[in-house]
PDB file of N, CA and C in Angstrom:
ATOM      1  N   MET A   1     -21.540  26.662  35.016  1.00  0.00           N
ATOM      2  CA  MET A   1     -22.340  27.362  34.052  1.00  0.00           C
ATOM      3  C   MET A   1     -23.075  26.371  33.153  1.00  0.00           C
ATOM      4  N   LEU A   2     -22.354  25.369  32.672  1.00  0.00           N
ATOM      5  CA  LEU A   2     -22.956  24.384  31.797  1.00  0.00           C
ATOM      6  C   LEU A   2     -23.991  23.546  32.552  1.00  0.00           C
ATOM      7  N   THR A   3     -23.683  23.209  33.789  1.00  0.00           N
ATOM      8  CA  THR A   3     -24.650  22.409  34.560  1.00  0.00           C
ATOM      9  C   THR A   3     -25.924  23.198  34.809  1.00  0.00           C
ATOM     10  N   LEU A   4     -25.799  24.502  35.011  1.00  0.00           N
ATOM     11  CA  LEU A   4     -26.983  25.328  35.220  1.00  0.00           C
ATOM     12  C   LEU A   4     -27.851  25.327  33.963  1.00  0.00           C
ATOM     13  N   TYR A   5     -27.228  25.409  32.780  1.00  0.00           N
ATOM     14  CA  TYR A   5     -27.973  25.377  31.522  1.00  0.00           C
ATOM     15  C   TYR A   5     -28.658  24.026  31.341  1.00  0.00           C
ATOM     16  N   LEU A   6     -27.939  22.943  31.654  1.00  0.00           N
ATOM     17  CA  LEU A   6     -28.511  21.614  31.486  1.00  0.00           C
ATOM     18  C   LEU A   6     -29.668  21.368  32.458  1.00  0.00           C
ATOM     19  N   GLN A   7     -29.588  21.950  33.642  1.00  0.00           N
ATOM     20  CA  GLN A   7     -30.659  21.767  34.616  1.00  0.00           C
ATOM     21  C   GLN A   7     -31.910  22.546  34.215  1.00  0.00           C
ATOM     22  N   THR A   8     -31.739  23.690  33.593  1.00  0.00           N
ATOM     23  CA  THR A   8     -32.889  24.511  33.239  1.00  0.00           C
ATOM     24  C   THR A   8     -33.485  24.148  31.874  1.00  0.00           C
ATOM     25  N   ALA A   9     -32.748  23.422  31.051  1.00  0.00           N
ATOM     26  CA  ALA A   9     -33.255  23.063  29.729  1.00  0.00           C
ATOM     27  C   ALA A   9     -34.381  22.051  29.885  1.00  0.00           C
ATOM     28  N   ALA A  10     -35.415  22.252  29.122  1.00  0.00           N
ATOM     29  CA  ALA A  10     -36.558  21.346  29.184  1.00  0.00           C
ATOM     30  C   ALA A  10     -36.208  20.036  28.484  1.00  0.00           C
ATOM     31  N   PRO A  11     -36.472  18.920  29.125  1.00  0.00           N
ATOM     32  CA  PRO A  11     -36.184  17.640  28.465  1.00  0.00           C
ATOM     33  C   PRO A  11     -37.108  17.445  27.271  1.00  0.00           C
ATOM     34  N   SER A  12     -36.525  16.950  26.188  1.00  0.00           N
ATOM     35  CA  SER A  12     -37.335  16.732  24.994  1.00  0.00           C
ATOM     36  C   SER A  12     -37.208  15.268  24.581  1.00  0.00           C
ATOM     37  N   ASP A  13     -38.208  14.792  23.910  1.00  0.00           N
ATOM     38  CA  ASP A  13     -38.215  13.415  23.440  1.00  0.00           C
ATOM     39  C   ASP A  13     -37.302  13.321  22.205  1.00  0.00           C
ATOM     40  N   PRO A  14     -36.312  12.408  22.201  1.00  0.00           N
ATOM     41  CA  PRO A  14     -35.407  12.322  21.045  1.00  0.00           C
ATOM     42  C   PRO A  14     -36.107  11.829  19.791  1.00  0.00           C
ATOM     43  N   ASN A  15     -37.270  11.241  19.915  1.00  0.00           N
ATOM     44  CA  ASN A  15     -37.998  10.742  18.739  1.00  0.00           C
ATOM     45  C   ASN A  15     -38.891  11.801  18.106  1.00  0.00           C
ATOM     46  N   ASP A  16     -38.990  12.970  18.727  1.00  0.00           N
ATOM     47  CA  ASP A  16     -39.801  14.048  18.156  1.00  0.00           C
ATOM     48  C   ASP A  16     -39.076  14.672  16.971  1.00  0.00           C
ATOM     49  N   LEU A  17     -39.805  14.886  15.906  1.00  0.00           N
ATOM     50  CA  LEU A  17     -39.254  15.544  14.726  1.00  0.00           C
ATOM     51  C   LEU A  17     -39.809  16.951  14.639  1.00  0.00           C
ATOM     52  N   MET A  18     -39.140  17.775  13.848  1.00  0.00           N
ATOM     53  CA  MET A  18     -39.659  19.121  13.609  1.00  0.00           C
ATOM     54  C   MET A  18     -40.997  18.994  12.900  1.00  0.00           C
ATOM     55  N   PRO A  19     -41.872  19.937  13.101  1.00  0.00           N
ATOM     56  CA  PRO A  19     -43.169  19.865  12.419  1.00  0.00           C
ATOM     57  C   PRO A  19     -43.008  19.837  10.903  1.00  0.00           C
ATOM     58  N   GLY A  20     -43.729  18.966  10.248  1.00  0.00           N
ATOM     59  CA  GLY A  20     -43.700  18.880   8.787  1.00  0.00           C
ATOM     60  C   GLY A  20     -42.745  17.833   8.259  1.00  0.00           C
ATOM     61  N   LEU A  21     -41.958  17.192   9.124  1.00  0.00           N
ATOM     62  CA  LEU A  21     -41.015  16.176   8.664  1.00  0.00           C
ATOM     63  C   LEU A  21     -41.563  14.787   8.957  1.00  0.00           C
ATOM     64  N   GLU A  22     -41.329  13.896   8.015  1.00  0.00           N
ATOM     65  CA  GLU A  22     -41.699  12.497   8.184  1.00  0.00           C
ATOM     66  C   GLU A  22     -40.422  11.696   8.470  1.00  0.00           C
ATOM     67  N   PRO A  23     -40.510  10.564   9.156  1.00  0.00           N
ATOM     68  CA  PRO A  23     -39.315   9.751   9.421  1.00  0.00           C
ATOM     69  C   PRO A  23     -38.603   9.303   8.148  1.00  0.00           C
ATOM     70  N   GLU A  24     -39.325   9.088   7.063  1.00  0.00           N
ATOM     71  CA  GLU A  24     -38.701   8.670   5.805  1.00  0.00           C
ATOM     72  C   GLU A  24     -37.847   9.779   5.191  1.00  0.00           C
ATOM     73  N   GLN A  25     -38.146  11.023   5.528  1.00  0.00           N
ATOM     74  CA  GLN A  25     -37.401  12.145   4.963  1.00  0.00           C
ATOM     75  C   GLN A  25     -36.053  12.341   5.647  1.00  0.00           C
ATOM     76  N   VAL A  26     -35.886  11.853   6.842  1.00  0.00           N
ATOM     77  CA  VAL A  26     -34.645  12.090   7.568  1.00  0.00           C
ATOM     78  C   VAL A  26     -33.796  10.836   7.724  1.00  0.00           C
ATOM     79  N   SER A  27     -34.279   9.686   7.300  1.00  0.00           N
ATOM     80  CA  SER A  27     -33.492   8.455   7.392  1.00  0.00           C
ATOM     81  C   SER A  27     -32.945   8.107   6.007  1.00  0.00           C
ATOM     82  N   PRO A  28     -31.808   7.454   5.954  1.00  0.00           N
ATOM     83  CA  PRO A  28     -31.218   7.140   4.650  1.00  0.00           C
ATOM     84  C   PRO A  28     -31.980   6.068   3.893  1.00  0.00           C
ATOM     85  N   GLY A  29     -32.693   5.220   4.561  1.00  0.00           N
ATOM     86  CA  GLY A  29     -33.475   4.190   3.892  1.00  0.00           C
ATOM     87  C   GLY A  29     -32.611   3.064   3.360  1.00  0.00           C
ATOM     88  N   VAL A  30     -33.208   2.262   2.515  1.00  0.00           N
ATOM     89  CA  VAL A  30     -32.529   1.086   1.967  1.00  0.00           C
ATOM     90  C   VAL A  30     -31.391   1.503   1.034  1.00  0.00           C
ATOM     91  N   ILE A  31     -31.618   2.541   0.247  1.00  0.00           N
ATOM     92  CA  ILE A  31     -30.578   3.005  -0.680  1.00  0.00           C
ATOM     93  C   ILE A  31     -29.342   3.466   0.094  1.00  0.00           C
ATOM     94  N   GLY A  32     -29.540   4.181   1.172  1.00  0.00           N
ATOM     95  CA  GLY A  32     -28.419   4.621   1.999  1.00  0.00           C
ATOM     96  C   GLY A  32     -27.686   3.458   2.635  1.00  0.00           C
ATOM     97  N   PHE A  33     -28.431   2.448   3.063  1.00  0.00           N
ATOM     98  CA  PHE A  33     -27.793   1.265   3.641  1.00  0.00           C
ATOM     99  C   PHE A  33     -26.914   0.575   2.611  1.00  0.00           C
ATOM    100  N   PHE A  34     -27.448   0.357   1.404  1.00  0.00           N
ATOM    101  CA  PHE A  34     -26.653  -0.328   0.379  1.00  0.00           C
ATOM    102  C   PHE A  34     -25.453   0.509  -0.066  1.00  0.00           C
ATOM    103  N   ALA A  35     -25.624   1.812  -0.154  1.00  0.00           N
ATOM    104  CA  ALA A  35     -24.492   2.674  -0.519  1.00  0.00           C
ATOM    105  C   ALA A  35     -23.386   2.566   0.521  1.00  0.00           C
ATOM    106  N   THR A  36     -23.749   2.614   1.791  1.00  0.00           N
ATOM    107  CA  THR A  36     -22.764   2.486   2.860  1.00  0.00           C
ATOM    108  C   THR A  36     -22.118   1.107   2.837  1.00  0.00           C
ATOM    109  N   PHE A  37     -22.919   0.080   2.604  1.00  0.00           N
ATOM    110  CA  PHE A  37     -22.405  -1.290   2.548  1.00  0.00           C
ATOM    111  C   PHE A  37     -21.370  -1.435   1.439  1.00  0.00           C
ATOM    112  N   PHE A  38     -21.663  -0.909   0.241  1.00  0.00           N
ATOM    113  CA  PHE A  38     -20.723  -1.030  -0.869  1.00  0.00           C
ATOM    114  C   PHE A  38     -19.460  -0.201  -0.653  1.00  0.00           C
ATOM    115  N   VAL A  39     -19.572   0.944   0.008  1.00  0.00           N
ATOM    116  CA  VAL A  39     -18.379   1.731   0.333  1.00  0.00           C
ATOM    117  C   VAL A  39     -17.490   0.955   1.299  1.00  0.00           C
ATOM    118  N   VAL A  40     -18.088   0.354   2.307  1.00  0.00           N
ATOM    119  CA  VAL A  40     -17.312  -0.443   3.268  1.00  0.00           C
ATOM    120  C   VAL A  40     -16.700  -1.646   2.575  1.00  0.00           C
ATOM    121  N   LEU A  41     -17.447  -2.294   1.700  1.00  0.00           N
ATOM    122  CA  LEU A  41     -16.931  -3.451   0.974  1.00  0.00           C
ATOM    123  C   LEU A  41     -15.750  -3.061   0.078  1.00  0.00           C
ATOM    124  N   ALA A  42     -15.874  -1.951  -0.633  1.00  0.00           N
ATOM    125  CA  ALA A  42     -14.782  -1.487  -1.496  1.00  0.00           C
ATOM    126  C   ALA A  42     -13.558  -1.092  -0.675  1.00  0.00           C
ATOM    127  N   LEU A  43     -13.780  -0.438   0.438  1.00  0.00           N
ATOM    128  CA  LEU A  43     -12.663  -0.043   1.296  1.00  0.00           C
ATOM    129  C   LEU A  43     -11.949  -1.263   1.860  1.00  0.00           C
ATOM    130  N   THR A  44     -12.706  -2.274   2.252  1.00  0.00           N
ATOM    131  CA  THR A  44     -12.095  -3.506   2.755  1.00  0.00           C
ATOM    132  C   THR A  44     -11.270  -4.177   1.665  1.00  0.00           C
ATOM    133  N   ALA A  45     -11.788  -4.216   0.447  1.00  0.00           N
ATOM    134  CA  ALA A  45     -11.035  -4.806  -0.664  1.00  0.00           C
ATOM    135  C   ALA A  45      -9.757  -4.025  -0.940  1.00  0.00           C
ATOM    136  N   LEU A  46      -9.827  -2.708  -0.892  1.00  0.00           N
ATOM    137  CA  LEU A  46      -8.624  -1.893  -1.116  1.00  0.00           C
ATOM    138  C   LEU A  46      -7.582  -2.118  -0.026  1.00  0.00           C
ATOM    139  N   ILE A  47      -8.027  -2.213   1.207  1.00  0.00           N
ATOM    140  CA  ILE A  47      -7.089  -2.435   2.315  1.00  0.00           C
ATOM    141  C   ILE A  47      -6.422  -3.795   2.178  1.00  0.00           C
ATOM    142  N   LEU A  48      -7.189  -4.819   1.851  1.00  0.00           N
ATOM    143  CA  LEU A  48      -6.602  -6.151   1.675  1.00  0.00           C
ATOM    144  C   LEU A  48      -5.616  -6.174   0.515  1.00  0.00           C
ATOM    145  N   ASP A  49      -5.941  -5.500  -0.583  1.00  0.00           N
ATOM    146  CA  ASP A  49      -5.041  -5.440  -1.721  1.00  0.00           C
ATOM    147  C   ASP A  49      -3.753  -4.694  -1.362  1.00  0.00           C
ATOM    148  N   PHE A  50      -3.894  -3.612  -0.625  1.00  0.00           N
ATOM    149  CA  PHE A  50      -2.723  -2.848  -0.201  1.00  0.00           C
ATOM    150  C   PHE A  50      -1.825  -3.695   0.698  1.00  0.00           C
ATOM    151  N   MET A  51      -2.426  -4.421   1.619  1.00  0.00           N
ATOM    152  CA  MET A  51      -1.637  -5.273   2.511  1.00  0.00           C
ATOM    153  C   MET A  51      -0.925  -6.370   1.731  1.00  0.00           C
ATOM    154  N   ARG A  52      -1.596  -6.937   0.729  1.00  0.00           N
ATOM    155  CA  ARG A  52      -0.982  -7.977  -0.088  1.00  0.00           C
ATOM    156  C   ARG A  52       0.207  -7.418  -0.868  1.00  0.00           C
ATOM    157  N   ARG A  53       0.038  -6.230  -1.429  1.00  0.00           N
ATOM    158  CA  ARG A  53       1.143  -5.617  -2.181  1.00  0.00           C
ATOM    159  C   ARG A  53       2.317  -5.259  -1.273  1.00  0.00           C
ATOM    160  N   GLN A  54       2.030  -4.776  -0.077  1.00  0.00           N
ATOM    161  CA  GLN A  54       3.096  -4.454   0.870  1.00  0.00           C
ATOM    162  C   GLN A  54       3.858  -5.711   1.274  1.00  0.00           C
ATOM    163  N   ARG A  55       3.142  -6.796   1.511  1.00  0.00           N
ATOM    164  CA  ARG A  55       3.780  -8.058   1.882  1.00  0.00           C
ATOM    165  C   ARG A  55       4.658  -8.556   0.749  1.00  0.00           C
ATOM    166  N   ARG A  56       4.165  -8.481  -0.488  1.00  0.00           N
ATOM    167  CA  ARG A  56       4.940  -8.920  -1.645  1.00  0.00           C
ATOM    168  C   ARG A  56       6.204  -8.067  -1.798  1.00  0.00           C
ATOM    169  N   LEU A  57       6.076  -6.766  -1.589  1.00  0.00           N
ATOM    170  CA  LEU A  57       7.226  -5.877  -1.687  1.00  0.00           C
ATOM    171  C   LEU A  57       8.247  -6.199  -0.610  1.00  0.00           C
ATOM    172  N   ARG A  58       7.785  -6.469   0.603  1.00  0.00           N
ATOM    173  CA  ARG A  58       8.681  -6.814   1.700  1.00  0.00           C
ATOM    174  C   ARG A  58       9.434  -8.111   1.396  1.00  0.00           C
ATOM    175  N   TYR A  59       8.748  -9.116   0.831  1.00  0.00           N
ATOM    176  CA  TYR A  59       9.407 -10.370   0.470  1.00  0.00           C
ATOM    177  C   TYR A  59      10.424 -10.158  -0.641  1.00  0.00           C
ATOM    178  N   ARG A  60      10.085  -9.328  -1.617  1.00  0.00           N
ATOM    179  CA  ARG A  60      11.033  -9.062  -2.696  1.00  0.00           C
ATOM    180  C   ARG A  60      12.282  -8.346  -2.188  1.00  0.00           C
ATOM    181  N   MET A  61      12.092  -7.410  -1.263  1.00  0.00           N
ATOM    182  CA  MET A  61      13.252  -6.713  -0.700  1.00  0.00           C
ATOM    183  C   MET A  61      14.144  -7.675   0.069  1.00  0.00           C
ATOM    184  N   ALA A  62      13.536  -8.574   0.845  1.00  0.00           N
ATOM    185  CA  ALA A  62      14.325  -9.543   1.605  1.00  0.00           C
ATOM    186  C   ALA A  62      15.075 -10.470   0.645  1.00  0.00           C
ATOM    187  N   TYR A  63      14.414 -10.895  -0.423  1.00  0.00           N
ATOM    188  CA  TYR A  63      15.062 -11.769  -1.399  1.00  0.00           C
ATOM    189  C   TYR A  63      16.220 -11.039  -2.091  1.00  0.00           C
ATOM    190  N   ALA A  64      16.015  -9.776  -2.429  1.00  0.00           N
ATOM    191  CA  ALA A  64      17.077  -9.002  -3.080  1.00  0.00           C
ATOM    192  C   ALA A  64      18.268  -8.829  -2.147  1.00  0.00           C
ATOM    193  N   ARG A  65      18.001  -8.596  -0.866  1.00  0.00           N
ATOM    194  CA  ARG A  65      19.105  -8.475   0.101  1.00  0.00           C
ATOM    195  C   ARG A  65      19.865  -9.782   0.234  1.00  0.00           C
ATOM    196  N   GLU A  66      19.144 -10.899   0.259  1.00  0.00           N
ATOM    197  CA  GLU A  66      19.812 -12.194   0.344  1.00  0.00           C
ATOM    198  C   GLU A  66      20.685 -12.439  -0.879  1.00  0.00           C
ATOM    199  N   ARG A  67      20.153 -12.113  -2.065  1.00  0.00           N
ATOM    200  CA  ARG A  67      20.938 -12.305  -3.286  1.00  0.00           C
ATOM    201  C   ARG A  67      22.149 -11.376  -3.313  1.00  0.00           C
ATOM    202  N   GLU A  68      21.966 -10.154  -2.823  1.00  0.00           N
ATOM    203  CA  GLU A  68      23.093  -9.220  -2.790  1.00  0.00           C
ATOM    204  C   GLU A  68      24.163  -9.709  -1.831  1.00  0.00           C
ATOM    205  N   ALA A  69      23.736 -10.207  -0.671  1.00  0.00           N
ATOM    206  CA  ALA A  69      24.705 -10.732   0.298  1.00  0.00           C
ATOM    207  C   ALA A  69      25.409 -11.965  -0.266  1.00  0.00           C
ATOM    208  N   ALA A  70      24.674 -12.812  -0.954  1.00  0.00           N
ATOM    209  CA  ALA A  70      25.286 -13.987  -1.568  1.00  0.00           C
ATOM    210  C   ALA A  70      26.225 -13.566  -2.697  1.00  0.00           C
ATOM    211  N   GLY A  71      25.869 -12.521  -3.418  1.00  0.00           N
ATOM    212  CA  GLY A  71      26.723 -12.024  -4.492  1.00  0.00           C
ATOM    213  C   GLY A  71      28.021 -11.432  -3.967  1.00  0.00           C
ATOM    214  N   ARG A  72      27.951 -10.811  -2.794  1.00  0.00           N
ATOM    215  CA  ARG A  72      29.175 -10.247  -2.204  1.00  0.00           C
ATOM    216  C   ARG A  72      30.137 -11.347  -1.794  1.00  0.00           C
ATOM    217  N   THR A  73      29.632 -12.437  -1.272  1.00  0.00           N
ATOM    218  CA  THR A  73      30.522 -13.523  -0.841  1.00  0.00           C
ATOM    219  C   THR A  73      31.099 -14.255  -2.038  1.00  0.00           C
ATOM    220  N   GLU A  74      30.366 -14.301  -3.165  1.00  0.00           N
ATOM    221  CA  GLU A  74      30.860 -14.974  -4.356  1.00  0.00           C
ATOM    222  C   GLU A  74      31.640 -14.042  -5.270  1.00  0.00           C
ATOM    223  N   ALA A  75      31.555 -12.771  -5.070  1.00  0.00           N
ATOM    224  CA  ALA A  75      32.166 -11.801  -5.981  1.00  0.00           C
ATOM    225  C   ALA A  75      33.679 -11.920  -6.059  1.00  0.00           C
ATOM    226  N   PRO A  76      34.433 -12.046  -4.958  1.00  0.00           N
ATOM    227  CA  PRO A  76      35.888 -12.136  -5.109  1.00  0.00           C
ATOM    228  C   PRO A  76      36.320 -13.337  -5.939  1.00  0.00           C
ATOM    229  N   GLU A  77      35.683 -14.472  -5.779  1.00  0.00           N
ATOM    230  CA  GLU A  77      36.040 -15.643  -6.563  1.00  0.00           C
ATOM    231  C   GLU A  77      35.739 -15.418  -8.038  1.00  0.00           C
ATOM    232  N   SER A  78      34.586 -14.871  -8.340  1.00  0.00           N
ATOM    233  CA  SER A  78      34.220 -14.673  -9.740  1.00  0.00           C
ATOM    234  C   SER A  78      35.097 -13.599 -10.384  1.00  0.00           C
ATOM    235  N   ARG A  79      35.548 -12.618  -9.612  1.00  0.00           N
ATOM    236  CA  ARG A  79      36.448 -11.600 -10.164  1.00  0.00           C
ATOM    237  C   ARG A  79      37.789 -12.214 -10.533  1.00  0.00           C
ATOM    238  N   GLU A  80      38.294 -13.109  -9.671  1.00  0.00           N
ATOM    239  CA  GLU A  80      39.562 -13.766  -9.974  1.00  0.00           C
ATOM    240  C   GLU A  80      39.425 -14.635 -11.217  1.00  0.00           C
ATOM    241  N   GLU A  81      38.312 -15.343 -11.330  1.00  0.00           N
ATOM    242  CA  GLU A  81      38.089 -16.172 -12.510  1.00  0.00           C
ATOM    243  C   GLU A  81      37.979 -15.310 -13.759  1.00  0.00           C
ATOM    244  N   ALA A  82      37.318 -14.173 -13.635  1.00  0.00           N
ATOM    245  CA  ALA A  82      37.166 -13.285 -14.792  1.00  0.00           C
ATOM    246  C   ALA A  82      38.510 -12.694 -15.190  1.00  0.00           C
ATOM    247  N   ALA A  83      39.378 -12.429 -14.227  1.00  0.00           N
ATOM    248  CA  ALA A  83      40.691 -11.870 -14.552  1.00  0.00           C
ATOM    249  C   ALA A  83      41.568 -12.919 -15.221  1.00  0.00           C
ATOM    250  N   ASP A  84      41.401 -14.182 -14.835  1.00  0.00           N
ATOM    251  CA  ASP A  84      42.199 -15.252 -15.427  1.00  0.00           C
ATOM    252  C   ASP A  84      41.712 -15.628 -16.824  1.00  0.00           C
ATOM    253  N   THR A  85      40.459 -15.382 -17.133  1.00  0.00           N
ATOM    254  CA  THR A  85      39.892 -15.760 -18.423  1.00  0.00           C
ATOM    255  C   THR A  85      40.249 -14.692 -19.460  1.00  0.00           C
ATOM    256  N   PRO A  86      40.919 -15.077 -20.545  1.00  0.00           N
ATOM    257  CA  PRO A  86      41.248 -14.076 -21.564  1.00  0.00           C
ATOM    258  C   PRO A  86      39.990 -13.640 -22.316  1.00  0.00           C
ATOM    259  N   GLN A  87      39.973 -12.378 -22.661  1.00  0.00           N
ATOM    260  CA  GLN A  87      38.831 -11.824 -23.392  1.00  0.00           C
ATOM    261  C   GLN A  87      39.067 -12.032 -24.881  1.00  0.00           C
ATOM    262  N   GLU A  88      38.030 -12.479 -25.562  1.00  0.00           N
ATOM    263  CA  GLU A  88      38.131 -12.661 -27.003  1.00  0.00           C
ATOM    264  C   GLU A  88      37.823 -11.340 -27.700  1.00  0.00           C
ATOM    265  N   PRO A  89      38.501 -11.072 -28.783  1.00  0.00           N
ATOM    266  CA  PRO A  89      38.201  -9.834 -29.522  1.00  0.00           C
ATOM    267  C   PRO A  89      36.789  -9.884 -30.108  1.00  0.00           C
ATOM    268  N   THR A  90      36.212  -8.728 -30.266  1.00  0.00           N
ATOM    269  CA  THR A  90      34.872  -8.652 -30.840  1.00  0.00           C
ATOM    270  C   THR A  90      34.949  -8.869 -32.341  1.00  0.00           C
ATOM    271  N   SER A  91      33.816  -8.853 -32.996  1.00  0.00           N
ATOM    272  CA  SER A  91      33.771  -9.125 -34.438  1.00  0.00           C
ATOM    273  C   SER A  91      34.516  -8.061 -35.252  1.00  0.00           C
ATOM    274  N   ASP A  92      34.660  -6.853 -34.684  1.00  0.00           N
ATOM    275  CA  ASP A  92      35.388  -5.816 -35.428  1.00  0.00           C
ATOM    276  C   ASP A  92      36.872  -5.805 -35.078  1.00  0.00           C
ATOM    277  N   GLY A  93      37.361  -6.799 -34.311  1.00  0.00           N
ATOM    278  CA  GLY A  93      38.777  -6.939 -34.038  1.00  0.00           C
ATOM    279  C   GLY A  93      39.277  -6.124 -32.872  1.00  0.00           C
ATOM    280  N   GLN A  94      38.414  -5.436 -32.113  1.00  0.00           N
ATOM    281  CA  GLN A  94      38.860  -4.629 -30.984  1.00  0.00           C
ATOM    282  C   GLN A  94      38.816  -5.442 -29.699  1.00  0.00           C
ATOM    283  N   ASP A  95      39.678  -5.076 -28.778  1.00  0.00           N
ATOM    284  CA  ASP A  95      39.699  -5.713 -27.452  1.00  0.00           C
ATOM    285  C   ASP A  95      38.498  -5.203 -26.652  1.00  0.00           C
ATOM    286  N   PRO A  96      37.665  -6.089 -26.085  1.00  0.00           N
ATOM    287  CA  PRO A  96      36.495  -5.631 -25.364  1.00  0.00           C
ATOM    288  C   PRO A  96      36.808  -4.907 -24.063  1.00  0.00           C
ATOM    289  N   THR A  97      38.023  -5.038 -23.556  1.00  0.00           N
ATOM    290  CA  THR A  97      38.391  -4.334 -22.321  1.00  0.00           C
ATOM    291  C   THR A  97      39.085  -3.014 -22.599  1.00  0.00           C
ATOM    292  N   ASP A  98      39.304  -2.690 -23.855  1.00  0.00           N
ATOM    293  CA  ASP A  98      39.963  -1.440 -24.220  1.00  0.00           C
ATOM    294  C   ASP A  98      38.916  -0.348 -24.393  1.00  0.00           C
ATOM    295  N   PHE A  99      38.901   0.613 -23.467  1.00  0.00           N
ATOM    296  CA  PHE A  99      37.916   1.697 -23.482  1.00  0.00           C
ATOM    297  C   PHE A  99      38.577   3.037 -23.777  1.00  0.00           C
ATOM    298  N   THR A 100      39.586   3.038 -24.623  1.00  0.00           N
ATOM    299  CA  THR A 100      40.360   4.261 -24.861  1.00  0.00           C
ATOM    300  C   THR A 100      39.856   5.046 -26.065  1.00  0.00           C
ATOM    301  N   GLU A 101      38.713   4.785 -26.521  1.00  0.00           N
ATOM    302  CA  GLU A 101      38.203   5.502 -27.691  1.00  0.00           C
ATOM    303  C   GLU A 101      37.849   6.908 -27.387  1.00  0.00           C
TER     304      GLU A 101
END
């Protein structure tokens, strides 16, 4: 069905415009080119900024995981040291480990 329509349709010149139209009226011109250029430029800048922020976030997460893993391996030793170290009373004379208030 479609091939029959395409065979019977009269070929037309793609450069023909409707009567009354000038090429300047249907083309974007220099202003359209610059508008498109600046949109593409802004979009490229946004994409690069987004990629930079994602990379920075990924590095921070990896660093935090490394510090957490290092903290887990050092935690038992520091807990033993903290348990052996006596706590000094605060300025109001209360024990800082006493939470019975």
